[in-house]
C-alpha atoms as a PDB file:
ATOM      1  CA  MET A   1      61.574 201.044 139.398  1.00  0.00           C
ATOM      2  CA  LEU A   2      63.852 199.061 141.718  1.00  0.00           C
ATOM      3  CA  SER A   3      60.964 198.343 144.104  1.00  0.00           C
ATOM      4  CA  SER A   4      59.306 196.271 141.363  1.00  0.00           C
ATOM      5  CA  ARG A   5      62.230 193.872 141.182  1.00  0.00           C
ATOM      6  CA  THR A   6      61.721 190.221 142.119  1.00  0.00           C
ATOM      7  CA  SER A   7      63.531 189.229 145.312  1.00  0.00           C
ATOM      8  CA  ILE A   8      65.609 186.073 144.751  1.00  0.00           C
ATOM      9  CA  GLY A   9      66.732 184.146 147.828  1.00  0.00           C
ATOM     10  CA  VAL A  10      69.974 182.356 146.954  1.00  0.00           C
ATOM     11  CA  VAL A  11      70.737 179.759 149.616  1.00  0.00           C
ATOM     12  CA  PHE A  12      74.115 178.011 149.600  1.00  0.00           C
ATOM     13  CA  GLY A  13      76.687 176.195 151.730  1.00  0.00           C
ATOM     14  CA  GLY A  14      75.113 173.281 153.554  1.00  0.00           C
ATOM     15  CA  ALA A  15      76.002 170.496 155.940  1.00  0.00           C
ATOM     16  CA  SER A  16      77.528 168.211 153.321  1.00  0.00           C
ATOM     17  CA  GLY A  17      80.898 167.212 151.950  1.00  0.00           C
ATOM     18  CA  GLU A  18      80.296 169.490 148.971  1.00  0.00           C
ATOM     19  CA  HIS A  19      80.122 172.668 151.061  1.00  0.00           C
ATOM     20  CA  HIS A  20      83.063 174.374 149.339  1.00  0.00           C
ATOM     21  CA  VAL A  21      81.744 173.474 145.882  1.00  0.00           C
ATOM     22  CA  SER A  22      78.424 175.080 146.808  1.00  0.00           C
ATOM     23  CA  ILE A  23      80.178 178.328 147.754  1.00  0.00           C
ATOM     24  CA  LYS A  24      81.975 178.407 144.396  1.00  0.00           C
ATOM     25  CA  SER A  25      78.720 177.724 142.550  1.00  0.00           C
ATOM     26  CA  ALA A  26      76.882 180.414 144.515  1.00  0.00           C
ATOM     27  CA  ILE A  27      79.507 183.042 143.651  1.00  0.00           C
ATOM     28  CA  THR A  28      78.903 182.325 139.951  1.00  0.00           C
ATOM     29  CA  VAL A  29      75.108 182.364 140.277  1.00  0.00           C
ATOM     30  CA  VAL A  30      74.932 185.536 142.401  1.00  0.00           C
ATOM     31  CA  ASN A  31      77.292 187.424 140.091  1.00  0.00           C
ATOM     32  CA  ALA A  32      75.184 186.400 137.099  1.00  0.00           C
ATOM     33  CA  LEU A  33      71.954 187.478 138.824  1.00  0.00           C
ATOM     34  CA  ARG A  34      73.598 190.836 139.559  1.00  0.00           C
ATOM     35  CA  ASP A  35      74.665 191.332 135.956  1.00  0.00           C
ATOM     36  CA  GLU A  36      73.609 194.720 134.573  1.00  0.00           C
ATOM     37  CA  ILE A  37      70.517 193.391 132.765  1.00  0.00           C
ATOM     38  CA  ASN A  38      69.436 190.956 135.493  1.00  0.00           C
ATOM     39  CA  ALA A  39      69.937 193.587 138.197  1.00  0.00           C
ATOM     40  CA  ARG A  40      67.050 195.531 136.680  1.00  0.00           C
ATOM     41  CA  LYS A  41      64.752 192.559 137.270  1.00  0.00           C
ATOM     42  CA  PHE A  42      66.129 190.847 140.377  1.00  0.00           C
ATOM     43  CA  GLU A  43      67.179 191.784 143.876  1.00  0.00           C
ATOM     44  CA  VAL A  44      69.456 189.120 145.339  1.00  0.00           C
ATOM     45  CA  PHE A  45      69.063 188.161 148.998  1.00  0.00           C
ATOM     46  CA  SER A  46      71.636 185.509 149.959  1.00  0.00           C
ATOM     47  CA  LEU A  47      71.533 183.075 152.874  1.00  0.00           C
ATOM     48  CA  TYR A  48      74.368 180.875 154.050  1.00  0.00           C
ATOM     49  CA  ILE A  49      74.059 177.430 155.648  1.00  0.00           C
ATOM     50  CA  ASP A  50      77.177 176.536 157.642  1.00  0.00           C
ATOM     51  CA  GLN A  51      78.660 173.063 158.004  1.00  0.00           C
ATOM     52  CA  GLN A  52      76.623 172.503 161.169  1.00  0.00           C
ATOM     53  CA  GLY A  53      73.429 173.134 159.220  1.00  0.00           C
ATOM     54  CA  ARG A  54      72.704 176.533 160.792  1.00  0.00           C
ATOM     55  CA  TRP A  55      71.156 179.200 158.564  1.00  0.00           C
ATOM     56  CA  TRP A  56      72.718 182.666 158.556  1.00  0.00           C
ATOM     57  CA  PRO A  57      71.379 185.979 157.184  1.00  0.00           C
ATOM     58  CA  ASN A  58      72.386 188.058 154.192  1.00  0.00           C
ATOM     59  CA  SER A  59      75.177 189.957 155.990  1.00  0.00           C
ATOM     60  CA  ILE A  60      77.101 186.779 156.781  1.00  0.00           C
ATOM     61  CA  ALA A  61      76.264 185.175 153.428  1.00  0.00           C
ATOM     62  CA  GLU A  62      77.679 188.169 151.558  1.00  0.00           C
ATOM     63  CA  SER A  63      80.899 187.921 153.560  1.00  0.00           C
ATOM     64  CA  VAL A  64      81.263 184.257 152.558  1.00  0.00           C
ATOM     65  CA  LEU A  65      80.616 185.128 148.907  1.00  0.00           C
ATOM     66  CA  SER A  66      83.245 187.857 148.997  1.00  0.00           C
ATOM     67  CA  THR A  67      85.971 185.648 150.503  1.00  0.00           C
ATOM     68  CA  GLY A  68      84.946 182.331 148.946  1.00  0.00           C
ATOM     69  CA  LEU A  69      85.592 180.642 152.301  1.00  0.00           C
ATOM     70  CA  PRO A  70      83.406 179.438 155.186  1.00  0.00           C
ATOM     71  CA  PRO A  71      83.585 181.754 158.224  1.00  0.00           C
ATOM     72  CA  LYS A  72      85.423 180.617 161.331  1.00  0.00           C
ATOM     73  CA  GLU A  73      83.266 179.876 164.358  1.00  0.00           C
ATOM     74  CA  ALA A  74      84.692 182.901 166.170  1.00  0.00           C
ATOM     75  CA  GLU A  75      83.517 185.146 163.325  1.00  0.00           C
ATOM     76  CA  LEU A  76      79.878 184.123 163.747  1.00  0.00           C
ATOM     77  CA  PRO A  77      77.466 185.782 166.211  1.00  0.00           C
ATOM     78  CA  LEU A  78      76.862 183.989 169.485  1.00  0.00           C
ATOM     79  CA  THR A  79      73.916 181.606 169.263  1.00  0.00           C
ATOM     80  CA  LEU A  80      72.240 179.050 171.481  1.00  0.00           C
ATOM     81  CA  VAL A  81      71.839 176.784 168.480  1.00  0.00           C
ATOM     82  CA  SER A  82      74.770 174.399 168.041  1.00  0.00           C
ATOM     83  CA  SER A  83      73.550 172.707 164.869  1.00  0.00           C
ATOM     84  CA  GLY A  84      70.618 172.228 162.533  1.00  0.00           C
ATOM     85  CA  PHE A  85      67.780 174.331 161.148  1.00  0.00           C
ATOM     86  CA  PHE A  86      65.749 176.334 163.639  1.00  0.00           C
ATOM     87  CA  GLY A  87      63.977 178.807 161.359  1.00  0.00           C
ATOM     88  CA  LEU A  88      64.665 181.142 158.456  1.00  0.00           C
ATOM     89  CA  PRO A  89      66.889 184.146 159.237  1.00  0.00           C
ATOM     90  CA  GLU A  90      65.437 187.628 159.531  1.00  0.00           C
ATOM     91  CA  GLY A  91      64.640 189.170 156.160  1.00  0.00           C
ATOM     92  CA  SER A  92      63.704 185.858 154.508  1.00  0.00           C
ATOM     93  CA  GLU A  93      60.054 186.879 154.426  1.00  0.00           C
ATOM     94  CA  LYS A  94      60.770 189.305 151.582  1.00  0.00           C
ATOM     95  CA  VAL A  95      61.984 186.522 149.251  1.00  0.00           C
ATOM     96  CA  ASP A  96      59.703 185.963 146.246  1.00  0.00           C
ATOM     97  CA  ILE A  97      61.570 183.032 144.666  1.00  0.00           C
ATOM     98  CA  TRP A  98      64.103 180.715 146.261  1.00  0.00           C
ATOM     99  CA  TYR A  99      67.199 179.668 144.336  1.00  0.00           C
ATOM    100  CA  PRO A 100      68.981 176.755 146.064  1.00  0.00           C
ATOM    101  CA  VAL A 101      72.651 176.417 145.111  1.00  0.00           C
ATOM    102  CA  LEU A 102      73.279 173.393 147.302  1.00  0.00           C
ATOM    103  CA  HIS A 103      75.016 170.114 146.563  1.00  0.00           C
ATOM    104  CA  GLY A 104      74.702 166.820 148.398  1.00  0.00           C
ATOM    105  CA  PRO A 105      72.538 165.730 151.364  1.00  0.00           C
ATOM    106  CA  ASN A 106      70.151 168.271 152.905  1.00  0.00           C
ATOM    107  CA  GLY A 107      70.365 170.368 149.748  1.00  0.00           C
ATOM    108  CA  GLU A 108      69.507 168.461 146.595  1.00  0.00           C
ATOM    109  CA  ASP A 109      67.744 165.471 148.138  1.00  0.00           C
ATOM    110  CA  GLY A 110      64.285 166.985 148.566  1.00  0.00           C
ATOM    111  CA  THR A 111      64.674 168.265 152.128  1.00  0.00           C
ATOM    112  CA  VAL A 112      65.156 171.956 151.305  1.00  0.00           C
ATOM    113  CA  GLN A 113      62.643 171.629 148.477  1.00  0.00           C
ATOM    114  CA  GLY A 114      60.119 170.350 151.026  1.00  0.00           C
ATOM    115  CA  LEU A 115      60.801 173.382 153.214  1.00  0.00           C
ATOM    116  CA  PHE A 116      60.111 175.751 150.333  1.00  0.00           C
ATOM    117  CA  LYS A 117      56.892 173.861 149.583  1.00  0.00           C
ATOM    118  CA  LEU A 118      55.828 174.222 153.217  1.00  0.00           C
ATOM    119  CA  ILE A 119      56.355 177.966 153.249  1.00  0.00           C
ATOM    120  CA  GLY A 120      54.485 178.283 149.957  1.00  0.00           C
ATOM    121  CA  LYS A 121      57.182 179.926 147.861  1.00  0.00           C
ATOM    122  CA  PRO A 122      58.309 178.924 144.347  1.00  0.00           C
ATOM    123  CA  PHE A 123      61.856 177.680 143.897  1.00  0.00           C
ATOM    124  CA  VAL A 124      64.350 176.844 141.171  1.00  0.00           C
ATOM    125  CA  GLY A 125      64.971 173.177 140.425  1.00  0.00           C
ATOM    126  CA  SER A 126      63.120 169.880 140.719  1.00  0.00           C
ATOM    127  CA  GLY A 127      60.441 169.254 143.312  1.00  0.00           C
ATOM    128  CA  VAL A 128      60.642 166.947 146.315  1.00  0.00           C
ATOM    129  CA  LEU A 129      60.192 163.709 144.366  1.00  0.00           C
ATOM    130  CA  GLY A 130      62.584 164.519 141.522  1.00  0.00           C
ATOM    131  CA  SER A 131      65.233 165.773 143.936  1.00  0.00           C
ATOM    132  CA  ALA A 132      64.964 162.720 146.195  1.00  0.00           C
ATOM    133  CA  LEU A 133      65.101 160.238 143.307  1.00  0.00           C
ATOM    134  CA  GLY A 134      67.973 162.108 141.678  1.00  0.00           C
ATOM    135  CA  MET A 135      69.992 162.039 144.886  1.00  0.00           C
ATOM    136  CA  ASP A 136      69.509 158.386 145.848  1.00  0.00           C
ATOM    137  CA  LYS A 137      71.335 156.298 143.252  1.00  0.00           C
ATOM    138  CA  LEU A 138      69.452 153.100 144.111  1.00  0.00           C
ATOM    139  CA  ALA A 139      66.026 154.745 143.842  1.00  0.00           C
ATOM    140  CA  MET A 140      67.128 156.434 140.624  1.00  0.00           C
ATOM    141  CA  LYS A 141      68.285 153.137 139.109  1.00  0.00           C
ATOM    142  CA  ALA A 142      64.993 151.498 140.073  1.00  0.00           C
ATOM    143  CA  ALA A 143      63.126 154.281 138.257  1.00  0.00           C
ATOM    144  CA  PHE A 144      65.361 153.848 135.194  1.00  0.00           C
ATOM    145  CA  ALA A 145      64.651 150.110 135.198  1.00  0.00           C
ATOM    146  CA  ALA A 146      60.892 150.747 135.381  1.00  0.00           C
ATOM    147  CA  PHE A 147      61.183 152.937 132.266  1.00  0.00           C
ATOM    148  CA  ASP A 148      63.398 150.349 130.533  1.00  0.00           C
ATOM    149  CA  LEU A 149      66.326 152.780 130.221  1.00  0.00           C
ATOM    150  CA  PRO A 150      69.851 151.468 129.528  1.00  0.00           C
ATOM    151  CA  GLN A 151      72.169 151.314 132.532  1.00  0.00           C
ATOM    152  CA  LEU A 152      75.150 149.261 133.605  1.00  0.00           C
ATOM    153  CA  PRO A 153      74.710 146.130 135.738  1.00  0.00           C
ATOM    154  CA  TYR A 154      74.837 146.898 139.462  1.00  0.00           C
ATOM    155  CA  ILE A 155      74.301 145.408 142.895  1.00  0.00           C
ATOM    156  CA  SER A 156      72.814 147.094 145.935  1.00  0.00           C
ATOM    157  CA  ALA A 157      74.133 146.555 149.433  1.00  0.00           C
ATOM    158  CA  GLU A 158      73.553 147.695 153.015  1.00  0.00           C
ATOM    159  CA  ALA A 159      76.399 148.980 155.175  1.00  0.00           C
ATOM    160  CA  ASN A 160      75.480 146.547 157.956  1.00  0.00           C
ATOM    161  CA  GLU A 161      76.250 143.639 155.599  1.00  0.00           C
ATOM    162  CA  LEU A 162      79.932 144.428 156.097  1.00  0.00           C
ATOM    163  CA  GLU A 163      79.825 143.914 159.859  1.00  0.00           C
ATOM    164  CA  GLU A 164      79.651 140.108 159.751  1.00  0.00           C
ATOM    165  CA  GLU A 165      82.457 138.278 157.944  1.00  0.00           C
ATOM    166  CA  ILE A 166      80.099 135.688 156.487  1.00  0.00           C
ATOM    167  CA  ASN A 167      77.824 138.363 155.008  1.00  0.00           C
ATOM    168  CA  LEU A 168      80.804 140.263 153.610  1.00  0.00           C
ATOM    169  CA  GLU A 169      82.077 137.112 151.905  1.00  0.00           C
ATOM    170  CA  CYS A 170      78.662 136.458 150.370  1.00  0.00           C
ATOM    171  CA  LEU A 171      78.551 140.017 149.042  1.00  0.00           C
ATOM    172  CA  ILE A 172      82.044 139.765 147.541  1.00  0.00           C
ATOM    173  CA  LYS A 173      81.153 136.478 145.789  1.00  0.00           C
ATOM    174  CA  LYS A 174      77.965 138.039 144.454  1.00  0.00           C
ATOM    175  CA  ILE A 175      79.853 141.074 143.129  1.00  0.00           C
ATOM    176  CA  LYS A 176      82.531 138.933 141.482  1.00  0.00           C
ATOM    177  CA  ALA A 177      79.960 136.651 139.849  1.00  0.00           C
ATOM    178  CA  LYS A 178      77.693 139.401 138.476  1.00  0.00           C
ATOM    179  CA  LEU A 179      80.091 142.316 137.900  1.00  0.00           C
ATOM    180  CA  ASN A 180      83.676 141.084 138.215  1.00  0.00           C
ATOM    181  CA  TYR A 181      86.535 143.604 138.207  1.00  0.00           C
ATOM    182  CA  PRO A 182      86.935 146.486 137.754  1.00  0.00           C
ATOM    183  CA  CYS A 183      83.881 147.796 139.559  1.00  0.00           C
ATOM    184  CA  PHE A 184      82.852 151.041 141.238  1.00  0.00           C
ATOM    185  CA  ILE A 185      81.673 151.296 144.838  1.00  0.00           C
ATOM    186  CA  LYS A 186      79.462 154.282 145.602  1.00  0.00           C
ATOM    187  CA  PRO A 187      77.529 155.661 148.563  1.00  0.00           C
ATOM    188  CA  ALA A 188      73.915 155.886 147.380  1.00  0.00           C
ATOM    189  CA  ASN A 189      73.344 159.451 148.559  1.00  0.00           C
ATOM    190  CA  LEU A 190      76.414 161.548 147.824  1.00  0.00           C
ATOM    191  CA  GLY A 191      77.397 163.565 144.767  1.00  0.00           C
ATOM    192  CA  SER A 192      80.544 164.915 143.077  1.00  0.00           C
ATOM    193  CA  SER A 193      82.188 161.465 143.309  1.00  0.00           C
ATOM    194  CA  VAL A 194      82.496 161.837 147.100  1.00  0.00           C
ATOM    195  CA  GLY A 195      83.212 158.449 148.697  1.00  0.00           C
ATOM    196  CA  ILE A 196      83.457 156.597 145.378  1.00  0.00           C
ATOM    197  CA  SER A 197      86.198 154.026 144.775  1.00  0.00           C
ATOM    198  CA  LYS A 198      87.274 151.882 141.840  1.00  0.00           C
ATOM    199  CA  ALA A 199      88.323 148.333 142.630  1.00  0.00           C
ATOM    200  CA  TYR A 200      90.512 146.084 140.495  1.00  0.00           C
ATOM    201  CA  ASN A 201      90.805 143.292 143.055  1.00  0.00           C
ATOM    202  CA  ARG A 202      89.392 141.882 146.290  1.00  0.00           C
ATOM    203  CA  GLU A 203      91.547 144.041 148.565  1.00  0.00           C
ATOM    204  CA  GLN A 204      90.496 147.260 146.831  1.00  0.00           C
ATOM    205  CA  LEU A 205      86.871 146.116 146.836  1.00  0.00           C
ATOM    206  CA  ILE A 206      86.812 145.578 150.609  1.00  0.00           C
ATOM    207  CA  LYS A 207      88.542 148.909 151.182  1.00  0.00           C
ATOM    208  CA  GLY A 208      86.058 150.671 148.901  1.00  0.00           C
ATOM    209  CA  LEU A 209      83.049 149.035 150.544  1.00  0.00           C
ATOM    210  CA  LYS A 210      84.197 150.107 153.999  1.00  0.00           C
ATOM    211  CA  LYS A 211      84.930 153.646 152.791  1.00  0.00           C
ATOM    212  CA  ALA A 212      81.453 154.007 151.272  1.00  0.00           C
ATOM    213  CA  SER A 213      79.753 152.431 154.305  1.00  0.00           C
ATOM    214  CA  ARG A 214      81.189 155.122 156.569  1.00  0.00           C
ATOM    215  CA  LEU A 215      79.339 157.738 154.508  1.00  0.00           C
ATOM    216  CA  ASP A 216      76.009 156.058 153.791  1.00  0.00           C
ATOM    217  CA  SER A 217      73.955 153.072 154.913  1.00  0.00           C
ATOM    218  CA  ARG A 218      73.027 152.239 151.301  1.00  0.00           C
ATOM    219  CA  LEU A 219      75.659 151.291 148.730  1.00  0.00           C
ATOM    220  CA  VAL A 220      75.814 150.792 144.970  1.00  0.00           C
ATOM    221  CA  ILE A 221      78.379 148.532 143.330  1.00  0.00           C
ATOM    222  CA  GLU A 222      78.480 149.045 139.582  1.00  0.00           C
ATOM    223  CA  LYS A 223      80.249 147.290 136.717  1.00  0.00           C
ATOM    224  CA  GLY A 224      83.227 149.221 135.346  1.00  0.00           C
ATOM    225  CA  VAL A 225      83.490 149.688 131.566  1.00  0.00           C
ATOM    226  CA  ASN A 226      86.022 151.158 129.192  1.00  0.00           C
ATOM    227  CA  ALA A 227      83.884 153.988 127.856  1.00  0.00           C
ATOM    228  CA  ARG A 228      83.850 157.651 126.963  1.00  0.00           C
ATOM    229  CA  GLU A 229      81.886 159.977 129.263  1.00  0.00           C
ATOM    230  CA  PHE A 230      79.263 162.373 127.947  1.00  0.00           C
ATOM    231  CA  GLU A 231      76.964 164.888 129.594  1.00  0.00           C
ATOM    232  CA  CYS A 232      73.778 166.586 128.436  1.00  0.00           C
ATOM    233  CA  ALA A 233      71.694 169.288 130.132  1.00  0.00           C
ATOM    234  CA  LEU A 234      67.986 169.934 130.527  1.00  0.00           C
ATOM    235  CA  LEU A 235      66.411 173.362 131.063  1.00  0.00           C
ATOM    236  CA  GLY A 236      62.763 174.249 131.579  1.00  0.00           C
ATOM    237  CA  THR A 237      59.516 173.073 133.087  1.00  0.00           C
ATOM    238  CA  LYS A 238      56.667 173.716 130.669  1.00  0.00           C
ATOM    239  CA  LYS A 239      58.899 174.473 127.700  1.00  0.00           C
ATOM    240  CA  VAL A 240      61.803 172.024 127.970  1.00  0.00           C
ATOM    241  CA  GLN A 241      65.115 172.466 126.150  1.00  0.00           C
ATOM    242  CA  VAL A 242      67.978 169.996 125.804  1.00  0.00           C
ATOM    243  CA  SER A 243      71.553 171.186 125.280  1.00  0.00           C
ATOM    244  CA  GLN A 244      74.254 169.979 122.973  1.00  0.00           C
ATOM    245  CA  VAL A 245      76.137 166.894 124.139  1.00  0.00           C
ATOM    246  CA  GLY A 246      79.525 167.447 125.741  1.00  0.00           C
ATOM    247  CA  GLU A 247      82.386 165.040 126.382  1.00  0.00           C
ATOM    248  CA  ILE A 248      84.632 164.988 129.450  1.00  0.00           C
ATOM    249  CA  ARG A 249      88.217 163.853 128.893  1.00  0.00           C
ATOM    250  CA  PHE A 250      90.728 163.398 131.691  1.00  0.00           C
ATOM    251  CA  ASN A 251      94.125 161.875 132.346  1.00  0.00           C
ATOM    252  CA  SER A 252      93.289 160.176 135.652  1.00  0.00           C
ATOM    253  CA  ASP A 253      91.997 156.597 135.877  1.00  0.00           C
ATOM    254  CA  TRP A 254      88.461 157.883 136.378  1.00  0.00           C
ATOM    255  CA  TYR A 255      86.550 161.136 136.863  1.00  0.00           C
ATOM    256  CA  ASP A 256      87.023 161.491 140.632  1.00  0.00           C
ATOM    257  CA  TYR A 257      86.440 164.494 142.931  1.00  0.00           C
ATOM    258  CA  GLU A 258      89.949 165.888 142.572  1.00  0.00           C
ATOM    259  CA  THR A 259      89.819 165.672 138.783  1.00  0.00           C
ATOM    260  CA  LYS A 260      86.408 167.346 138.668  1.00  0.00           C
ATOM    261  CA  TYR A 261      87.432 170.404 140.656  1.00  0.00           C
ATOM    262  CA  THR A 262      91.123 170.870 139.805  1.00  0.00           C
ATOM    263  CA  ILE A 263      91.717 173.316 136.986  1.00  0.00           C
ATOM    264  CA  GLY A 264      93.529 171.666 134.085  1.00  0.00           C
ATOM    265  CA  SER A 265      92.785 168.085 135.198  1.00  0.00           C
ATOM    266  CA  SER A 266      89.999 167.567 132.690  1.00  0.00           C
ATOM    267  CA  GLN A 267      88.912 168.895 129.327  1.00  0.00           C
ATOM    268  CA  ALA A 268      85.403 169.552 128.048  1.00  0.00           C
ATOM    269  CA  LEU A 269      84.658 169.086 124.356  1.00  0.00           C
ATOM    270  CA  ILE A 270      81.390 170.769 123.327  1.00  0.00           C
ATOM    271  CA  PRO A 271      79.897 169.613 121.051  1.00  0.00           C
ATOM    272  CA  ALA A 272      81.213 166.115 121.622  1.00  0.00           C
ATOM    273  CA  PRO A 273      83.048 164.639 118.599  1.00  0.00           C
ATOM    274  CA  ILE A 274      80.536 161.852 117.945  1.00  0.00           C
ATOM    275  CA  PRO A 275      78.188 160.928 115.086  1.00  0.00           C
ATOM    276  CA  GLU A 276      74.963 162.946 114.978  1.00  0.00           C
ATOM    277  CA  LYS A 277      72.845 159.830 115.515  1.00  0.00           C
ATOM    278  CA  VAL A 278      74.668 159.133 118.796  1.00  0.00           C
ATOM    279  CA  SER A 279      74.222 162.730 119.910  1.00  0.00           C
ATOM    280  CA  GLU A 280      70.499 162.622 119.143  1.00  0.00           C
ATOM    281  CA  LYS A 281      70.146 159.324 121.018  1.00  0.00           C
ATOM    282  CA  ILE A 282      71.780 160.868 124.093  1.00  0.00           C
ATOM    283  CA  ARG A 283      69.526 163.940 123.878  1.00  0.00           C
ATOM    284  CA  THR A 284      66.458 161.703 123.645  1.00  0.00           C
ATOM    285  CA  LEU A 285      67.621 159.621 126.615  1.00  0.00           C
ATOM    286  CA  THR A 286      68.184 162.833 128.580  1.00  0.00           C
ATOM    287  CA  LEU A 287      64.497 163.683 128.246  1.00  0.00           C
ATOM    288  CA  LYS A 288      63.413 160.133 129.103  1.00  0.00           C
ATOM    289  CA  ALA A 289      65.699 159.892 132.133  1.00  0.00           C
ATOM    290  CA  CYS A 290      64.438 163.177 133.564  1.00  0.00           C
ATOM    291  CA  LYS A 291      60.849 162.094 132.983  1.00  0.00           C
ATOM    292  CA  ALA A 292      61.539 158.796 134.777  1.00  0.00           C
ATOM    293  CA  ILE A 293      62.481 160.543 138.028  1.00  0.00           C
ATOM    294  CA  ALA A 294      60.285 163.671 137.624  1.00  0.00           C
ATOM    295  CA  ALA A 295      63.299 165.982 137.244  1.00  0.00           C
ATOM    296  CA  THR A 296      62.335 169.422 135.954  1.00  0.00           C
ATOM    297  CA  SER A 297      63.693 172.982 135.681  1.00  0.00           C
ATOM    298  CA  MET A 298      67.362 171.986 135.471  1.00  0.00           C
ATOM    299  CA  ALA A 299      69.303 168.759 135.357  1.00  0.00           C
ATOM    300  CA  ARG A 300      72.503 167.321 133.957  1.00  0.00           C
ATOM    301  CA  VAL A 301      72.439 163.713 132.778  1.00  0.00           C
ATOM    302  CA  ASP A 302      75.702 161.761 132.575  1.00  0.00           C
ATOM    303  CA  PHE A 303      76.320 158.935 130.122  1.00  0.00           C
ATOM    304  CA  PHE A 304      78.828 156.218 129.262  1.00  0.00           C
ATOM    305  CA  TYR A 305      79.468 155.460 125.585  1.00  0.00           C
ATOM    306  CA  GLU A 306      81.242 152.310 124.405  1.00  0.00           C
ATOM    307  CA  GLU A 307      82.486 153.306 120.978  1.00  0.00           C
ATOM    308  CA  THR A 308      83.282 149.841 119.604  1.00  0.00           C
ATOM    309  CA  ASN A 309      79.637 148.751 119.561  1.00  0.00           C
ATOM    310  CA  GLU A 310      77.964 152.175 119.988  1.00  0.00           C
ATOM    311  CA  ARG A 311      76.352 151.225 123.300  1.00  0.00           C
ATOM    312  CA  ILE A 312      75.043 154.012 125.533  1.00  0.00           C
ATOM    313  CA  TRP A 313      74.317 153.727 129.253  1.00  0.00           C
ATOM    314  CA  ILE A 314      72.852 156.351 131.570  1.00  0.00           C
ATOM    315  CA  ASN A 315      75.155 156.879 134.535  1.00  0.00           C
ATOM    316  CA  GLU A 316      73.168 159.295 136.702  1.00  0.00           C
ATOM    317  CA  ILE A 317      71.206 162.540 136.924  1.00  0.00           C
ATOM    318  CA  ASN A 318      72.287 165.619 138.852  1.00  0.00           C
ATOM    319  CA  THR A 319      69.262 167.797 139.673  1.00  0.00           C
ATOM    320  CA  LEU A 320      71.328 170.662 141.129  1.00  0.00           C
ATOM    321  CA  PRO A 321      74.430 170.684 138.921  1.00  0.00           C
ATOM    322  CA  GLY A 322      77.450 172.779 139.792  1.00  0.00           C
ATOM    323  CA  PHE A 323      78.092 176.320 138.590  1.00  0.00           C
ATOM    324  CA  THR A 324      81.827 176.456 139.282  1.00  0.00           C
ATOM    325  CA  PRO A 325      84.283 177.530 136.546  1.00  0.00           C
ATOM    326  CA  GLN A 326      84.808 173.817 135.744  1.00  0.00           C
ATOM    327  CA  SER A 327      81.108 172.863 135.783  1.00  0.00           C
ATOM    328  CA  MET A 328      79.603 171.379 132.648  1.00  0.00           C
ATOM    329  CA  TYR A 329      76.002 172.558 133.063  1.00  0.00           C
ATOM    330  CA  PRO A 330      76.606 176.261 132.320  1.00  0.00           C
ATOM    331  CA  MET A 331      79.246 175.373 129.706  1.00  0.00           C
ATOM    332  CA  LEU A 332      76.791 173.127 127.857  1.00  0.00           C
ATOM    333  CA  TRP A 333      74.268 175.941 127.662  1.00  0.00           C
ATOM    334  CA  GLU A 334      76.889 178.518 126.692  1.00  0.00           C
ATOM    335  CA  ALA A 335      77.810 176.290 123.757  1.00  0.00           C
ATOM    336  CA  SER A 336      74.110 175.896 122.976  1.00  0.00           C
ATOM    337  CA  GLY A 337      73.633 179.655 122.675  1.00  0.00           C
ATOM    338  CA  ILE A 338      72.458 180.576 126.190  1.00  0.00           C
ATOM    339  CA  THR A 339      74.806 182.829 128.163  1.00  0.00           C
ATOM    340  CA  LEU A 340      75.310 182.389 131.887  1.00  0.00           C
ATOM    341  CA  GLU A 341      73.314 185.555 132.632  1.00  0.00           C
ATOM    342  CA  LYS A 342      70.431 184.395 130.447  1.00  0.00           C
ATOM    343  CA  LEU A 343      70.635 180.893 131.949  1.00  0.00           C
ATOM    344  CA  VAL A 344      70.120 181.993 135.563  1.00  0.00           C
ATOM    345  CA  SER A 345      67.340 184.350 134.467  1.00  0.00           C
ATOM    346  CA  THR A 346      65.607 181.503 132.638  1.00  0.00           C
ATOM    347  CA  LEU A 347      65.945 179.260 135.698  1.00  0.00           C
ATOM    348  CA  VAL A 348      64.184 181.892 137.797  1.00  0.00           C
ATOM    349  CA  GLU A 349      61.387 181.897 135.226  1.00  0.00           C
ATOM    350  CA  THR A 350      61.026 178.113 135.544  1.00  0.00           C
ATOM    351  CA  ALA A 351      60.302 178.650 139.230  1.00  0.00           C
ATOM    352  CA  ARG A 352      57.494 181.062 138.326  1.00  0.00           C
ATOM    353  CA  GLU A 353      55.970 178.307 136.201  1.00  0.00           C
END
């Protein structure tokens, strides 16, 4: 009976600033796949990608899952490879379906998805195009604009614009004229609020621009608004479901990295305490936003809602949302009647499709 189980290759870690978040998410996903009911259907084969981008086999991956911490260099076998991908570890050939639990560059930007396409194996999550568009905020915003979807005013910039004083001054004037303060400065290709700053004045703006430019060559500067923050989840490929709408409340100035991943720093309200017509509008926009960037299988769409005039803006899409204890994606589905164990099983089925 066990020999008929589907082999699921859970790959996690990654050479990104969200490495530790990926480990936490993978622990949740692997435990759910090994739940009593799922264990009858699935055999989990885990692979770990270290912070140098090297891929390690199941034995090392299981050790990381058990401790919740990256291994020290001295704990890893000797290798001639100092960094990067140089082939799948031994045992990978038995994987039937790949389940990436990766966050940030080289994980949710289409690169790993392209690898799985090359080796001809199905995988959980969006394809190359949807992953790439969902990761790059500028490309995503361009797709939203093409589909006439509501989003906040923004300006794009290149990191090399900051090198010359005259170019920097032109950029600052442009930002002040179109967006004014406060505004958000974001690297185009990072998630989990990594590298994002909020500026209330010129000094903070320059500091934020330089911080973001050290992490990415493409930058997004976005108008800041006094709004509530909502999230909605998508599940499925052929048969698509949309979750209830949830609200994130927090005591900090904005929903930064520390607030996202510190227990007790934020509160999730599911369903969100909003009129039904607003909830339905957000659910409809979730479907449209995912269609705009070709996001399928799973996605979490984030929104801003200005209550005084009932205006809704799409903030961004996350095509590989977190599965940590504080993550909204599994909580949204739990509140919508789909348990964690059923959720991961359904995601595997979307890969079969």
